[in-house]
Amino acid sequence: ATAMKKKAVLFSLHSGILRALCRIVGKSDELEKLTGSLLVDNSKIKSLLGWKAPWTLEQGIRKTVKEIASPRLWQAMTESGPGLDTPSGISPSVVS
């Protein structure tokens, strides 16, 4: 909203009412995309390409947290500004 020089207007709306309104205006699919499950089914790519995830979801989250918590990463981000690629080979000292 700020980028468009508009004031953000936020309000609470019961999910049942929101679903009913979206159904009335024909936007049920869009609502499901915004509020539905974020579960990803990778079975098709596994079967077509024989792809296998390099790590489990838990391992990926741990790796991400370790990189984000790295003091060297934060220092590089503040020096380089937005758009920095995550440096490789960082050994975090904050998260074990």
PDB file of N, CA and C in Angstrom:
ATOM      1  N   ALA A   1       0.817  -1.186   0.000  1.00  0.00           N
ATOM      2  CA  ALA A   1       0.000   0.000   0.000  1.00  0.00           C
ATOM      3  C   ALA A   1       0.869   1.263   0.000  1.00  0.00           C
ATOM      4  N   THR A   2       1.949   1.235   0.775  1.00  0.00           N
ATOM      5  CA  THR A   2       2.813   2.402   0.866  1.00  0.00           C
ATOM      6  C   THR A   2       3.420   2.742  -0.498  1.00  0.00           C
ATOM      7  N   ALA A   3       3.844   1.709  -1.221  1.00  0.00           N
ATOM      8  CA  ALA A   3       4.454   1.936  -2.536  1.00  0.00           C
ATOM      9  C   ALA A   3       3.469   2.571  -3.512  1.00  0.00           C
ATOM     10  N   MET A   4       2.185   2.331  -3.298  1.00  0.00           N
ATOM     11  CA  MET A   4       1.148   2.903  -4.158  1.00  0.00           C
ATOM     12  C   MET A   4       0.584   4.194  -3.597  1.00  0.00           C
ATOM     13  N   LYS A   5       1.213   4.675  -2.512  1.00  0.00           N
ATOM     14  CA  LYS A   5       0.774   5.899  -1.846  1.00  0.00           C
ATOM     15  C   LYS A   5      -0.690   5.796  -1.404  1.00  0.00           C
ATOM     16  N   LYS A   6      -1.028   4.615  -0.886  1.00  0.00           N
ATOM     17  CA  LYS A   6      -2.373   4.360  -0.379  1.00  0.00           C
ATOM     18  C   LYS A   6      -2.277   3.947   1.076  1.00  0.00           C
ATOM     19  N   LYS A   7      -3.306   4.213   1.812  1.00  0.00           N
ATOM     20  CA  LYS A   7      -3.362   3.793   3.205  1.00  0.00           C
ATOM     21  C   LYS A   7      -3.885   2.365   3.268  1.00  0.00           C
ATOM     22  N   ALA A   8      -3.194   1.494   4.009  1.00  0.00           N
ATOM     23  CA  ALA A   8      -3.642   0.115   4.175  1.00  0.00           C
ATOM     24  C   ALA A   8      -4.835   0.089   5.120  1.00  0.00           C
ATOM     25  N   VAL A   9      -5.857  -0.636   4.715  1.00  0.00           N
ATOM     26  CA  VAL A   9      -7.043  -0.795   5.556  1.00  0.00           C
ATOM     27  C   VAL A   9      -7.141  -2.277   5.908  1.00  0.00           C
ATOM     28  N   LEU A  10      -6.980  -2.589   7.176  1.00  0.00           N
ATOM     29  CA  LEU A  10      -7.046  -3.973   7.632  1.00  0.00           C
ATOM     30  C   LEU A  10      -8.253  -4.151   8.537  1.00  0.00           C
ATOM     31  N   PHE A  11      -8.931  -5.271   8.388  1.00  0.00           N
ATOM     32  CA  PHE A  11     -10.066  -5.559   9.250  1.00  0.00           C
ATOM     33  C   PHE A  11     -10.202  -7.071   9.389  1.00  0.00           C
ATOM     34  N   SER A  12     -10.853  -7.463  10.448  1.00  0.00           N
ATOM     35  CA  SER A  12     -11.061  -8.880  10.739  1.00  0.00           C
ATOM     36  C   SER A  12     -12.373  -9.338  10.116  1.00  0.00           C
ATOM     37  N   LEU A  13     -12.349 -10.533   9.524  1.00  0.00           N
ATOM     38  CA  LEU A  13     -13.550 -11.081   8.916  1.00  0.00           C
ATOM     39  C   LEU A  13     -13.565 -12.582   9.174  1.00  0.00           C
ATOM     40  N   HIS A  14     -14.644 -13.086   9.708  1.00  0.00           N
ATOM     41  CA  HIS A  14     -14.770 -14.511   9.988  1.00  0.00           C
ATOM     42  C   HIS A  14     -14.568 -15.294   8.691  1.00  0.00           C
ATOM     43  N   SER A  15     -13.830 -16.407   8.775  1.00  0.00           N
ATOM     44  CA  SER A  15     -13.506 -17.174   7.570  1.00  0.00           C
ATOM     45  C   SER A  15     -14.748 -17.715   6.866  1.00  0.00           C
ATOM     46  N   GLY A  16     -15.788 -18.064   7.611  1.00  0.00           N
ATOM     47  CA  GLY A  16     -17.029 -18.549   6.991  1.00  0.00           C
ATOM     48  C   GLY A  16     -17.697 -17.484   6.147  1.00  0.00           C
ATOM     49  N   ILE A  17     -17.684 -16.262   6.633  1.00  0.00           N
ATOM     50  CA  ILE A  17     -18.260 -15.139   5.878  1.00  0.00           C
ATOM     51  C   ILE A  17     -17.430 -14.880   4.627  1.00  0.00           C
ATOM     52  N   LEU A  18     -16.112 -14.920   4.782  1.00  0.00           N
ATOM     53  CA  LEU A  18     -15.229 -14.707   3.630  1.00  0.00           C
ATOM     54  C   LEU A  18     -15.461 -15.781   2.567  1.00  0.00           C
ATOM     55  N   ARG A  19     -15.576 -17.039   2.985  1.00  0.00           N
ATOM     56  CA  ARG A  19     -15.837 -18.125   2.029  1.00  0.00           C
ATOM     57  C   ARG A  19     -17.165 -17.907   1.302  1.00  0.00           C
ATOM     58  N   ALA A  20     -18.190 -17.508   2.049  1.00  0.00           N
ATOM     59  CA  ALA A  20     -19.506 -17.274   1.441  1.00  0.00           C
ATOM     60  C   ALA A  20     -19.439 -16.135   0.425  1.00  0.00           C
ATOM     61  N   LEU A  21     -18.771 -15.043   0.792  1.00  0.00           N
ATOM     62  CA  LEU A  21     -18.643 -13.911  -0.137  1.00  0.00           C
ATOM     63  C   LEU A  21     -17.882 -14.311  -1.394  1.00  0.00           C
ATOM     64  N   CYS A  22     -16.818 -15.063  -1.227  1.00  0.00           N
ATOM     65  CA  CYS A  22     -16.033 -15.498  -2.390  1.00  0.00           C
ATOM     66  C   CYS A  22     -16.837 -16.442  -3.282  1.00  0.00           C
ATOM     67  N   ARG A  23     -17.636 -17.293  -2.673  1.00  0.00           N
ATOM     68  CA  ARG A  23     -18.491 -18.196  -3.446  1.00  0.00           C
ATOM     69  C   ARG A  23     -19.505 -17.384  -4.266  1.00  0.00           C
ATOM     70  N   ILE A  24     -20.074 -16.357  -3.664  1.00  0.00           N
ATOM     71  CA  ILE A  24     -21.062 -15.516  -4.342  1.00  0.00           C
ATOM     72  C   ILE A  24     -20.461 -14.819  -5.562  1.00  0.00           C
ATOM     73  N   VAL A  25     -19.242 -14.318  -5.419  1.00  0.00           N
ATOM     74  CA  VAL A  25     -18.628 -13.573  -6.530  1.00  0.00           C
ATOM     75  C   VAL A  25     -17.762 -14.463  -7.429  1.00  0.00           C
ATOM     76  N   GLY A  26     -17.807 -15.782  -7.193  1.00  0.00           N
ATOM     77  CA  GLY A  26     -17.081 -16.705  -8.064  1.00  0.00           C
ATOM     78  C   GLY A  26     -15.581 -16.703  -7.866  1.00  0.00           C
ATOM     79  N   LYS A  27     -15.128 -16.455  -6.656  1.00  0.00           N
ATOM     80  CA  LYS A  27     -13.684 -16.400  -6.381  1.00  0.00           C
ATOM     81  C   LYS A  27     -13.241 -17.467  -5.375  1.00  0.00           C
ATOM     82  N   SER A  28     -13.967 -18.572  -5.301  1.00  0.00           N
ATOM     83  CA  SER A  28     -13.625 -19.630  -4.348  1.00  0.00           C
ATOM     84  C   SER A  28     -12.244 -20.221  -4.625  1.00  0.00           C
ATOM     85  N   ASP A  29     -11.899 -20.409  -5.902  1.00  0.00           N
ATOM     86  CA  ASP A  29     -10.582 -20.967  -6.241  1.00  0.00           C
ATOM     87  C   ASP A  29      -9.457 -20.045  -5.784  1.00  0.00           C
ATOM     88  N   GLU A  30      -9.633 -18.745  -5.992  1.00  0.00           N
ATOM     89  CA  GLU A  30      -8.612 -17.787  -5.575  1.00  0.00           C
ATOM     90  C   GLU A  30      -8.443 -17.784  -4.057  1.00  0.00           C
ATOM     91  N   LEU A  31      -9.555 -17.872  -3.339  1.00  0.00           N
ATOM     92  CA  LEU A  31      -9.488 -17.916  -1.876  1.00  0.00           C
ATOM     93  C   LEU A  31      -8.739 -19.159  -1.418  1.00  0.00           C
ATOM     94  N   GLU A  32      -9.016 -20.289  -2.050  1.00  0.00           N
ATOM     95  CA  GLU A  32      -8.327 -21.532  -1.679  1.00  0.00           C
ATOM     96  C   GLU A  32      -6.826 -21.415  -1.917  1.00  0.00           C
ATOM     97  N   LYS A  33      -6.434 -20.767  -3.002  1.00  0.00           N
ATOM     98  CA  LYS A  33      -5.004 -20.577  -3.271  1.00  0.00           C
ATOM     99  C   LYS A  33      -4.343 -19.732  -2.188  1.00  0.00           C
ATOM    100  N   LEU A  34      -5.044 -18.740  -1.695  1.00  0.00           N
ATOM    101  CA  LEU A  34      -4.486 -17.846  -0.680  1.00  0.00           C
ATOM    102  C   LEU A  34      -4.518 -18.421   0.727  1.00  0.00           C
ATOM    103  N   THR A  35      -5.532 -19.226   1.016  1.00  0.00           N
ATOM    104  CA  THR A  35      -5.714 -19.684   2.394  1.00  0.00           C
ATOM    105  C   THR A  35      -5.571 -21.183   2.566  1.00  0.00           C
ATOM    106  N   GLY A  36      -5.422 -21.915   1.488  1.00  0.00           N
ATOM    107  CA  GLY A  36      -5.355 -23.372   1.566  1.00  0.00           C
ATOM    108  C   GLY A  36      -3.996 -23.865   2.026  1.00  0.00           C
ATOM    109  N   SER A  37      -3.830 -25.148   1.938  1.00  0.00           N
ATOM    110  CA  SER A  37      -2.604 -25.807   2.383  1.00  0.00           C
ATOM    111  C   SER A  37      -1.413 -25.411   1.508  1.00  0.00           C
ATOM    112  N   LEU A  38      -0.268 -25.331   2.131  1.00  0.00           N
ATOM    113  CA  LEU A  38       0.966 -25.049   1.398  1.00  0.00           C
ATOM    114  C   LEU A  38       1.743 -26.328   1.119  1.00  0.00           C
ATOM    115  N   LEU A  39       1.110 -27.464   1.324  1.00  0.00           N
ATOM    116  CA  LEU A  39       1.731 -28.752   1.096  1.00  0.00           C
ATOM    117  C   LEU A  39       2.034 -28.907  -0.390  1.00  0.00           C
ATOM    118  N   VAL A  40       3.243 -29.310  -0.702  1.00  0.00           N
ATOM    119  CA  VAL A  40       3.668 -29.484  -2.082  1.00  0.00           C
ATOM    120  C   VAL A  40       3.792 -30.978  -2.376  1.00  0.00           C
ATOM    121  N   ASP A  41       3.209 -31.415  -3.479  1.00  0.00           N
ATOM    122  CA  ASP A  41       3.304 -32.813  -3.893  1.00  0.00           C
ATOM    123  C   ASP A  41       4.375 -32.916  -4.964  1.00  0.00           C
ATOM    124  N   ASN A  42       5.510 -33.536  -4.622  1.00  0.00           N
ATOM    125  CA  ASN A  42       6.601 -33.638  -5.588  1.00  0.00           C
ATOM    126  C   ASN A  42       6.668 -35.020  -6.240  1.00  0.00           C
ATOM    127  N   SER A  43       5.602 -35.800  -6.135  1.00  0.00           N
ATOM    128  CA  SER A  43       5.613 -37.156  -6.684  1.00  0.00           C
ATOM    129  C   SER A  43       5.733 -37.162  -8.212  1.00  0.00           C
ATOM    130  N   LYS A  44       5.165 -36.185  -8.894  1.00  0.00           N
ATOM    131  CA  LYS A  44       5.225 -36.160 -10.358  1.00  0.00           C
ATOM    132  C   LYS A  44       6.653 -35.948 -10.846  1.00  0.00           C
ATOM    133  N   ILE A  45       7.359 -34.997 -10.252  1.00  0.00           N
ATOM    134  CA  ILE A  45       8.736 -34.755 -10.680  1.00  0.00           C
ATOM    135  C   ILE A  45       9.630 -35.928 -10.300  1.00  0.00           C
ATOM    136  N   LYS A  46       9.329 -36.583  -9.185  1.00  0.00           N
ATOM    137  CA  LYS A  46      10.098 -37.770  -8.793  1.00  0.00           C
ATOM    138  C   LYS A  46       9.934 -38.874  -9.825  1.00  0.00           C
ATOM    139  N   SER A  47       8.690 -39.118 -10.255  1.00  0.00           N
ATOM    140  CA  SER A  47       8.446 -40.206 -11.197  1.00  0.00           C
ATOM    141  C   SER A  47       8.919 -39.872 -12.611  1.00  0.00           C
ATOM    142  N   LEU A  48       8.748 -38.634 -13.056  1.00  0.00           N
ATOM    143  CA  LEU A  48       9.146 -38.264 -14.418  1.00  0.00           C
ATOM    144  C   LEU A  48      10.655 -38.150 -14.585  1.00  0.00           C
ATOM    145  N   LEU A  49      11.311 -37.537 -13.602  1.00  0.00           N
ATOM    146  CA  LEU A  49      12.736 -37.254 -13.749  1.00  0.00           C
ATOM    147  C   LEU A  49      13.631 -38.060 -12.812  1.00  0.00           C
ATOM    148  N   GLY A  50      13.014 -38.844 -11.949  1.00  0.00           N
ATOM    149  CA  GLY A  50      13.815 -39.582 -10.981  1.00  0.00           C
ATOM    150  C   GLY A  50      14.477 -38.653  -9.971  1.00  0.00           C
ATOM    151  N   TRP A  51      13.881 -37.487  -9.753  1.00  0.00           N
ATOM    152  CA  TRP A  51      14.450 -36.482  -8.850  1.00  0.00           C
ATOM    153  C   TRP A  51      14.257 -36.891  -7.407  1.00  0.00           C
ATOM    154  N   LYS A  52      15.230 -36.582  -6.590  1.00  0.00           N
ATOM    155  CA  LYS A  52      15.133 -36.821  -5.160  1.00  0.00           C
ATOM    156  C   LYS A  52      15.604 -35.562  -4.447  1.00  0.00           C
ATOM    157  N   ALA A  53      14.864 -35.129  -3.447  1.00  0.00           N
ATOM    158  CA  ALA A  53      15.247 -33.942  -2.683  1.00  0.00           C
ATOM    159  C   ALA A  53      16.620 -34.176  -2.042  1.00  0.00           C
ATOM    160  N   PRO A  54      17.502 -33.162  -2.084  1.00  0.00           N
ATOM    161  CA  PRO A  54      18.838 -33.340  -1.518  1.00  0.00           C
ATOM    162  C   PRO A  54      18.831 -33.464   0.004  1.00  0.00           C
ATOM    163  N   TRP A  55      17.756 -33.030   0.647  1.00  0.00           N
ATOM    164  CA  TRP A  55      17.627 -33.162   2.092  1.00  0.00           C
ATOM    165  C   TRP A  55      16.151 -33.162   2.459  1.00  0.00           C
ATOM    166  N   THR A  56      15.860 -33.581   3.671  1.00  0.00           N
ATOM    167  CA  THR A  56      14.480 -33.593   4.144  1.00  0.00           C
ATOM    168  C   THR A  56      14.041 -32.171   4.456  1.00  0.00           C
ATOM    169  N   LEU A  57      12.741 -31.996   4.671  1.00  0.00           N
ATOM    170  CA  LEU A  57      12.220 -30.682   5.030  1.00  0.00           C
ATOM    171  C   LEU A  57      12.890 -30.184   6.307  1.00  0.00           C
ATOM    172  N   GLU A  58      12.999 -31.047   7.312  1.00  0.00           N
ATOM    173  CA  GLU A  58      13.618 -30.644   8.579  1.00  0.00           C
ATOM    174  C   GLU A  58      15.080 -30.232   8.367  1.00  0.00           C
ATOM    175  N   GLN A  59      15.822 -30.994   7.561  1.00  0.00           N
ATOM    176  CA  GLN A  59      17.217 -30.638   7.284  1.00  0.00           C
ATOM    177  C   GLN A  59      17.299 -29.295   6.562  1.00  0.00           C
ATOM    178  N   GLY A  60      16.393 -29.062   5.615  1.00  0.00           N
ATOM    179  CA  GLY A  60      16.389 -27.804   4.884  1.00  0.00           C
ATOM    180  C   GLY A  60      16.099 -26.616   5.778  1.00  0.00           C
ATOM    181  N   ILE A  61      15.164 -26.789   6.701  1.00  0.00           N
ATOM    182  CA  ILE A  61      14.853 -25.708   7.644  1.00  0.00           C
ATOM    183  C   ILE A  61      16.054 -25.436   8.540  1.00  0.00           C
ATOM    184  N   ARG A  62      16.701 -26.505   9.024  1.00  0.00           N
ATOM    185  CA  ARG A  62      17.895 -26.325   9.868  1.00  0.00           C
ATOM    186  C   ARG A  62      18.998 -25.585   9.117  1.00  0.00           C
ATOM    187  N   LYS A  63      19.246 -25.966   7.862  1.00  0.00           N
ATOM    188  CA  LYS A  63      20.280 -25.299   7.063  1.00  0.00           C
ATOM    189  C   LYS A  63      19.945 -23.817   6.872  1.00  0.00           C
ATOM    190  N   THR A  64      18.672 -23.537   6.597  1.00  0.00           N
ATOM    191  CA  THR A  64      18.243 -22.150   6.399  1.00  0.00           C
ATOM    192  C   THR A  64      18.440 -21.337   7.659  1.00  0.00           C
ATOM    193  N   VAL A  65      18.017 -21.874   8.802  1.00  0.00           N
ATOM    194  CA  VAL A  65      18.165 -21.162  10.074  1.00  0.00           C
ATOM    195  C   VAL A  65      19.636 -20.916  10.371  1.00  0.00           C
ATOM    196  N   LYS A  66      20.481 -21.901  10.132  1.00  0.00           N
ATOM    197  CA  LYS A  66      21.919 -21.734  10.389  1.00  0.00           C
ATOM    198  C   LYS A  66      22.506 -20.622   9.527  1.00  0.00           C
ATOM    199  N   GLU A  67      22.112 -20.578   8.254  1.00  0.00           N
ATOM    200  CA  GLU A  67      22.645 -19.528   7.376  1.00  0.00           C
ATOM    201  C   GLU A  67      22.124 -18.149   7.767  1.00  0.00           C
ATOM    202  N   ILE A  68      20.842 -18.067   8.109  1.00  0.00           N
ATOM    203  CA  ILE A  68      20.263 -16.786   8.494  1.00  0.00           C
ATOM    204  C   ILE A  68      20.885 -16.292   9.794  1.00  0.00           C
ATOM    205  N   ALA A  69      21.148 -17.218  10.712  1.00  0.00           N
ATOM    206  CA  ALA A  69      21.705 -16.841  12.012  1.00  0.00           C
ATOM    207  C   ALA A  69      23.197 -16.538  11.948  1.00  0.00           C
ATOM    208  N   SER A  70      23.816 -16.777  10.825  1.00  0.00           N
ATOM    209  CA  SER A  70      25.253 -16.570  10.709  1.00  0.00           C
ATOM    210  C   SER A  70      25.615 -15.089  10.820  1.00  0.00           C
ATOM    211  N   PRO A  71      26.488 -14.741  11.761  1.00  0.00           N
ATOM    212  CA  PRO A  71      26.914 -13.342  11.874  1.00  0.00           C
ATOM    213  C   PRO A  71      27.573 -12.835  10.586  1.00  0.00           C
ATOM    214  N   ARG A  72      28.299 -13.707   9.885  1.00  0.00           N
ATOM    215  CA  ARG A  72      28.956 -13.277   8.639  1.00  0.00           C
ATOM    216  C   ARG A  72      27.931 -12.955   7.563  1.00  0.00           C
ATOM    217  N   LEU A  73      26.838 -13.724   7.521  1.00  0.00           N
ATOM    218  CA  LEU A  73      25.789 -13.436   6.548  1.00  0.00           C
ATOM    219  C   LEU A  73      25.152 -12.088   6.837  1.00  0.00           C
ATOM    220  N   TRP A  74      24.792 -11.838   8.094  1.00  0.00           N
ATOM    221  CA  TRP A  74      24.187 -10.562   8.459  1.00  0.00           C
ATOM    222  C   TRP A  74      25.119  -9.406   8.148  1.00  0.00           C
ATOM    223  N   GLN A  75      26.412  -9.575   8.417  1.00  0.00           N
ATOM    224  CA  GLN A  75      27.376  -8.512   8.116  1.00  0.00           C
ATOM    225  C   GLN A  75      27.432  -8.259   6.610  1.00  0.00           C
ATOM    226  N   ALA A  76      27.481  -9.325   5.822  1.00  0.00           N
ATOM    227  CA  ALA A  76      27.523  -9.176   4.370  1.00  0.00           C
ATOM    228  C   ALA A  76      26.250  -8.505   3.849  1.00  0.00           C
ATOM    229  N   MET A  77      25.106  -8.860   4.430  1.00  0.00           N
ATOM    230  CA  MET A  77      23.836  -8.272   3.984  1.00  0.00           C
ATOM    231  C   MET A  77      23.785  -6.778   4.287  1.00  0.00           C
ATOM    232  N   THR A  78      24.272  -6.377   5.445  1.00  0.00           N
ATOM    233  CA  THR A  78      24.216  -4.964   5.792  1.00  0.00           C
ATOM    234  C   THR A  78      25.218  -4.156   4.986  1.00  0.00           C
ATOM    235  N   GLU A  79      26.320  -4.783   4.595  1.00  0.00           N
ATOM    236  CA  GLU A  79      27.313  -4.073   3.785  1.00  0.00           C
ATOM    237  C   GLU A  79      26.909  -3.999   2.321  1.00  0.00           C
ATOM    238  N   SER A  80      26.282  -5.061   1.813  1.00  0.00           N
ATOM    239  CA  SER A  80      25.967  -5.129   0.390  1.00  0.00           C
ATOM    240  C   SER A  80      24.581  -4.637   0.040  1.00  0.00           C
ATOM    241  N   GLY A  81      23.696  -4.610   1.015  1.00  0.00           N
ATOM    242  CA  GLY A  81      22.335  -4.162   0.747  1.00  0.00           C
ATOM    243  C   GLY A  81      21.480  -5.261   0.160  1.00  0.00           C
ATOM    244  N   PRO A  82      20.272  -4.921  -0.319  1.00  0.00           N
ATOM    245  CA  PRO A  82      19.340  -5.915  -0.839  1.00  0.00           C
ATOM    246  C   PRO A  82      19.877  -6.606  -2.082  1.00  0.00           C
ATOM    247  N   GLY A  83      19.392  -7.828  -2.307  1.00  0.00           N
ATOM    248  CA  GLY A  83      19.762  -8.559  -3.509  1.00  0.00           C
ATOM    249  C   GLY A  83      20.985  -9.430  -3.338  1.00  0.00           C
ATOM    250  N   LEU A  84      21.475  -9.572  -2.126  1.00  0.00           N
ATOM    251  CA  LEU A  84      22.666 -10.377  -1.883  1.00  0.00           C
ATOM    252  C   LEU A  84      22.321 -11.847  -1.979  1.00  0.00           C
ATOM    253  N   ASP A  85      23.130 -12.609  -2.692  1.00  0.00           N
ATOM    254  CA  ASP A  85      22.977 -14.061  -2.698  1.00  0.00           C
ATOM    255  C   ASP A  85      23.560 -14.606  -1.406  1.00  0.00           C
ATOM    256  N   THR A  86      22.997 -15.702  -0.919  1.00  0.00           N
ATOM    257  CA  THR A  86      23.491 -16.288   0.317  1.00  0.00           C
ATOM    258  C   THR A  86      24.907 -16.795   0.103  1.00  0.00           C
ATOM    259  N   PRO A  87      25.850 -16.359   0.916  1.00  0.00           N
ATOM    260  CA  PRO A  87      27.221 -16.825   0.767  1.00  0.00           C
ATOM    261  C   PRO A  87      27.316 -18.312   1.077  1.00  0.00           C
ATOM    262  N   SER A  88      28.160 -19.018   0.346  1.00  0.00           N
ATOM    263  CA  SER A  88      28.312 -20.439   0.616  1.00  0.00           C
ATOM    264  C   SER A  88      29.462 -20.662   1.584  1.00  0.00           C
ATOM    265  N   GLY A  89      29.440 -21.797   2.221  1.00  0.00           N
ATOM    266  CA  GLY A  89      30.536 -22.167   3.108  1.00  0.00           C
ATOM    267  C   GLY A  89      30.538 -21.443   4.438  1.00  0.00           C
ATOM    268  N   ILE A  90      29.401 -20.899   4.850  1.00  0.00           N
ATOM    269  CA  ILE A  90      29.350 -20.197   6.120  1.00  0.00           C
ATOM    270  C   ILE A  90      29.213 -21.215   7.243  1.00  0.00           C
ATOM    271  N   SER A  91      30.031 -21.104   8.260  1.00  0.00           N
ATOM    272  CA  SER A  91      29.880 -21.968   9.425  1.00  0.00           C
ATOM    273  C   SER A  91      29.311 -21.119  10.556  1.00  0.00           C
ATOM    274  N   PRO A  92      28.027 -21.240  10.807  1.00  0.00           N
ATOM    275  CA  PRO A  92      27.356 -20.396  11.806  1.00  0.00           C
ATOM    276  C   PRO A  92      27.878 -20.647  13.204  1.00  0.00           C
ATOM    277  N   SER A  93      27.965 -19.589  13.959  1.00  0.00           N
ATOM    278  CA  SER A  93      28.393 -19.717  15.343  1.00  0.00           C
ATOM    279  C   SER A  93      27.250 -19.461  16.307  1.00  0.00           C
ATOM    280  N   VAL A  94      26.106 -19.017  15.782  1.00  0.00           N
ATOM    281  CA  VAL A  94      24.980 -18.685  16.645  1.00  0.00           C
ATOM    282  C   VAL A  94      24.101 -19.891  16.897  1.00  0.00           C
ATOM    283  N   VAL A  95      23.796 -20.671  15.841  1.00  0.00           N
ATOM    284  CA  VAL A  95      22.903 -21.828  15.961  1.00  0.00           C
ATOM    285  C   VAL A  95      23.717 -23.089  15.868  1.00  0.00           C
ATOM    286  N   SER A  96      23.498 -24.027  16.770  1.00  0.00           N
ATOM    287  CA  SER A  96      24.249 -25.273  16.702  1.00  0.00           C
ATOM    288  C   SER A  96      23.413 -26.360  16.087  1.00  0.00           C
TER     289      SER A  96
END
